[in-house]
Amino acid sequence: MTKATFYHAGCPVCVSAEQDILSFIPENQVEVIHLGEDKAKVKDAEVAGVQSVPALVLSNGNVLHINFGASIEDLK
């Protein structure tokens, strides 16, 4: 089974969403990527369809944009 991927930028909205996500998805089933610290992953997030963070990319490719912390453009 492919993991879901949770992208965030470290802002308070993102950190709160990360805590919520990890409360209902086991950590071994979701990869957490902090785009503020790993700028090389911004392109991967964009290709996956992420337009803003926090966002959860499900294993089937669907993107769930959670609230609005930062635009993907702001992270480039």
N, C-alpha and C. Protein backbone atom coordinates (compact mmCIF):
# COMPACT_ATOMS: atom_id res chain seq x y z
N MET A 1 0.84 -1.19 0.00
CA MET A 1 0.00 0.00 0.00
C MET A 1 0.88 1.25 0.00
N THR A 2 0.58 2.18 -0.86
CA THR A 2 1.31 3.43 -0.94
C THR A 2 0.89 4.35 0.20
N LYS A 3 1.85 5.06 0.75
CA LYS A 3 1.56 5.99 1.84
C LYS A 3 0.89 7.25 1.30
N ALA A 4 0.11 7.88 2.16
CA ALA A 4 -0.37 9.22 1.89
C ALA A 4 0.80 10.16 2.21
N THR A 5 0.76 11.37 1.67
CA THR A 5 1.81 12.35 1.94
C THR A 5 1.16 13.63 2.44
N PHE A 6 1.62 14.10 3.59
CA PHE A 6 1.13 15.34 4.18
C PHE A 6 2.21 16.40 3.99
N TYR A 7 1.88 17.44 3.24
CA TYR A 7 2.80 18.54 3.00
C TYR A 7 2.41 19.72 3.87
N HIS A 8 3.42 20.35 4.46
CA HIS A 8 3.15 21.56 5.24
C HIS A 8 4.37 22.47 5.23
N ALA A 9 4.21 23.67 5.80
CA ALA A 9 5.29 24.65 5.79
C ALA A 9 5.72 25.07 7.19
N GLY A 10 5.16 24.44 8.21
CA GLY A 10 5.59 24.73 9.57
C GLY A 10 4.84 25.84 10.28
N CYS A 11 3.89 26.46 9.61
CA CYS A 11 3.12 27.54 10.24
C CYS A 11 2.17 26.93 11.28
N PRO A 12 1.61 27.73 12.17
CA PRO A 12 0.71 27.19 13.19
C PRO A 12 -0.48 26.41 12.61
N VAL A 13 -1.04 26.86 11.51
CA VAL A 13 -2.15 26.14 10.87
C VAL A 13 -1.67 24.76 10.42
N CYS A 14 -0.47 24.71 9.84
CA CYS A 14 0.08 23.45 9.35
C CYS A 14 0.40 22.48 10.48
N VAL A 15 1.00 22.99 11.55
CA VAL A 15 1.36 22.14 12.68
C VAL A 15 0.11 21.55 13.33
N SER A 16 -0.92 22.36 13.47
CA SER A 16 -2.18 21.89 14.02
C SER A 16 -2.78 20.79 13.14
N ALA A 17 -2.76 21.03 11.82
CA ALA A 17 -3.30 20.03 10.89
C ALA A 17 -2.48 18.74 10.93
N GLU A 18 -1.16 18.86 11.06
CA GLU A 18 -0.31 17.67 11.16
C GLU A 18 -0.69 16.84 12.38
N GLN A 19 -0.87 17.49 13.51
CA GLN A 19 -1.26 16.78 14.73
C GLN A 19 -2.60 16.08 14.54
N ASP A 20 -3.55 16.76 13.90
CA ASP A 20 -4.86 16.15 13.65
C ASP A 20 -4.75 14.96 12.71
N ILE A 21 -4.00 15.12 11.63
CA ILE A 21 -3.82 14.03 10.65
C ILE A 21 -3.22 12.81 11.34
N LEU A 22 -2.18 13.03 12.14
CA LEU A 22 -1.50 11.91 12.78
C LEU A 22 -2.32 11.28 13.90
N SER A 23 -3.39 11.96 14.30
CA SER A 23 -4.26 11.36 15.32
C SER A 23 -5.22 10.33 14.71
N PHE A 24 -5.45 10.41 13.38
CA PHE A 24 -6.35 9.43 12.77
C PHE A 24 -5.74 8.61 11.64
N ILE A 25 -4.54 8.92 11.23
CA ILE A 25 -3.82 8.08 10.27
C ILE A 25 -2.52 7.63 10.95
N PRO A 26 -2.28 6.33 11.06
CA PRO A 26 -1.04 5.87 11.69
C PRO A 26 0.19 6.45 10.99
N GLU A 27 1.20 6.79 11.78
CA GLU A 27 2.41 7.42 11.24
C GLU A 27 3.09 6.58 10.17
N ASN A 28 2.93 5.26 10.24
CA ASN A 28 3.57 4.41 9.24
C ASN A 28 2.80 4.40 7.91
N GLN A 29 1.66 5.12 7.86
CA GLN A 29 0.88 5.18 6.63
C GLN A 29 0.86 6.57 6.01
N VAL A 30 1.59 7.50 6.60
CA VAL A 30 1.65 8.85 6.04
C VAL A 30 3.07 9.40 6.16
N GLU A 31 3.54 9.97 5.08
CA GLU A 31 4.85 10.64 5.08
C GLU A 31 4.60 12.12 5.30
N VAL A 32 5.28 12.71 6.26
CA VAL A 32 5.12 14.14 6.55
C VAL A 32 6.32 14.87 5.95
N ILE A 33 6.02 15.86 5.10
CA ILE A 33 7.09 16.63 4.46
C ILE A 33 6.90 18.11 4.79
N HIS A 34 7.92 18.67 5.42
CA HIS A 34 7.94 20.08 5.80
C HIS A 34 8.61 20.85 4.65
N LEU A 35 7.82 21.50 3.83
CA LEU A 35 8.35 22.17 2.64
C LEU A 35 9.19 23.40 2.98
N GLY A 36 9.01 23.96 4.15
CA GLY A 36 9.84 25.08 4.57
C GLY A 36 11.28 24.65 4.83
N GLU A 37 11.45 23.39 5.21
CA GLU A 37 12.79 22.85 5.48
C GLU A 37 13.35 22.05 4.31
N ASP A 38 12.49 21.53 3.46
CA ASP A 38 12.92 20.69 2.34
C ASP A 38 12.39 21.26 1.02
N LYS A 39 13.01 22.37 0.60
CA LYS A 39 12.56 23.07 -0.61
C LYS A 39 12.62 22.19 -1.86
N ALA A 40 13.46 21.17 -1.85
CA ALA A 40 13.58 20.28 -3.01
C ALA A 40 12.28 19.52 -3.26
N LYS A 41 11.43 19.40 -2.27
CA LYS A 41 10.17 18.66 -2.40
C LYS A 41 9.02 19.53 -2.89
N VAL A 42 9.23 20.84 -3.03
CA VAL A 42 8.16 21.73 -3.49
C VAL A 42 7.67 21.31 -4.87
N LYS A 43 8.58 20.99 -5.76
CA LYS A 43 8.21 20.57 -7.12
C LYS A 43 7.39 19.28 -7.07
N ASP A 44 7.77 18.34 -6.22
CA ASP A 44 7.01 17.09 -6.08
C ASP A 44 5.58 17.38 -5.63
N ALA A 45 5.46 18.29 -4.67
CA ALA A 45 4.13 18.66 -4.17
C ALA A 45 3.30 19.28 -5.28
N GLU A 46 3.92 20.16 -6.04
CA GLU A 46 3.23 20.83 -7.13
C GLU A 46 2.77 19.82 -8.19
N VAL A 47 3.63 18.88 -8.54
CA VAL A 47 3.30 17.85 -9.53
C VAL A 47 2.14 16.98 -9.02
N ALA A 48 2.09 16.77 -7.71
CA ALA A 48 1.02 15.97 -7.12
C ALA A 48 -0.32 16.70 -7.08
N GLY A 49 -0.29 18.01 -7.37
CA GLY A 49 -1.52 18.79 -7.38
C GLY A 49 -1.73 19.69 -6.19
N VAL A 50 -0.73 19.79 -5.34
CA VAL A 50 -0.84 20.65 -4.16
C VAL A 50 -0.76 22.11 -4.60
N GLN A 51 -1.75 22.89 -4.20
CA GLN A 51 -1.79 24.31 -4.53
C GLN A 51 -1.52 25.19 -3.32
N SER A 52 -1.76 24.64 -2.14
CA SER A 52 -1.50 25.34 -0.90
C SER A 52 -1.27 24.31 0.20
N VAL A 53 -0.64 24.76 1.26
CA VAL A 53 -0.42 23.87 2.40
C VAL A 53 -1.12 24.43 3.62
N PRO A 54 -1.55 23.58 4.51
CA PRO A 54 -1.34 22.15 4.57
C PRO A 54 -2.21 21.40 3.57
N ALA A 55 -1.68 20.29 3.08
CA ALA A 55 -2.41 19.46 2.13
C ALA A 55 -2.04 18.00 2.34
N LEU A 56 -3.01 17.14 2.16
CA LEU A 56 -2.80 15.70 2.27
C LEU A 56 -3.05 15.09 0.90
N VAL A 57 -2.02 14.44 0.36
CA VAL A 57 -2.14 13.73 -0.91
C VAL A 57 -2.38 12.27 -0.55
N LEU A 58 -3.56 11.78 -0.91
CA LEU A 58 -3.92 10.40 -0.59
C LEU A 58 -3.22 9.42 -1.52
N SER A 59 -3.18 8.17 -1.12
CA SER A 59 -2.48 7.16 -1.92
C SER A 59 -3.10 6.98 -3.31
N ASN A 60 -4.38 7.38 -3.49
CA ASN A 60 -5.01 7.29 -4.80
C ASN A 60 -4.78 8.53 -5.66
N GLY A 61 -4.01 9.49 -5.12
CA GLY A 61 -3.68 10.70 -5.88
C GLY A 61 -4.56 11.89 -5.61
N ASN A 62 -5.67 11.70 -4.89
CA ASN A 62 -6.53 12.83 -4.55
C ASN A 62 -5.81 13.74 -3.56
N VAL A 63 -6.01 15.05 -3.74
CA VAL A 63 -5.39 16.04 -2.87
C VAL A 63 -6.46 16.70 -2.02
N LEU A 64 -6.24 16.66 -0.71
CA LEU A 64 -7.14 17.34 0.22
C LEU A 64 -6.43 18.57 0.76
N HIS A 65 -6.90 19.74 0.34
CA HIS A 65 -6.34 20.99 0.85
C HIS A 65 -7.04 21.31 2.16
N ILE A 66 -6.26 21.46 3.21
CA ILE A 66 -6.78 21.64 4.56
C ILE A 66 -6.52 23.08 4.98
N ASN A 67 -7.61 23.85 5.16
CA ASN A 67 -7.47 25.24 5.57
C ASN A 67 -6.57 25.96 4.56
N PHE A 68 -5.88 27.00 4.98
CA PHE A 68 -4.96 27.69 4.09
C PHE A 68 -3.84 28.29 4.92
N GLY A 69 -2.67 27.72 4.80
CA GLY A 69 -1.50 28.24 5.53
C GLY A 69 -0.62 29.06 4.62
N ALA A 70 -0.32 28.52 3.43
CA ALA A 70 0.55 29.22 2.47
C ALA A 70 0.32 28.65 1.08
N SER A 71 0.45 29.49 0.10
CA SER A 71 0.36 29.09 -1.29
C SER A 71 1.64 28.34 -1.67
N ILE A 72 1.54 27.37 -2.55
CA ILE A 72 2.72 26.66 -3.03
C ILE A 72 3.67 27.63 -3.71
N GLU A 73 3.12 28.67 -4.33
CA GLU A 73 3.96 29.70 -4.97
C GLU A 73 4.83 30.44 -3.95
N ASP A 74 4.29 30.63 -2.74
CA ASP A 74 5.05 31.32 -1.69
C ASP A 74 6.23 30.48 -1.19
N LEU A 75 6.18 29.18 -1.43
CA LEU A 75 7.22 28.29 -0.93
C LEU A 75 8.36 28.09 -1.92
N LYS A 76 8.19 28.57 -3.14
CA LYS A 76 9.24 28.39 -4.16
C LYS A 76 10.42 29.30 -3.89
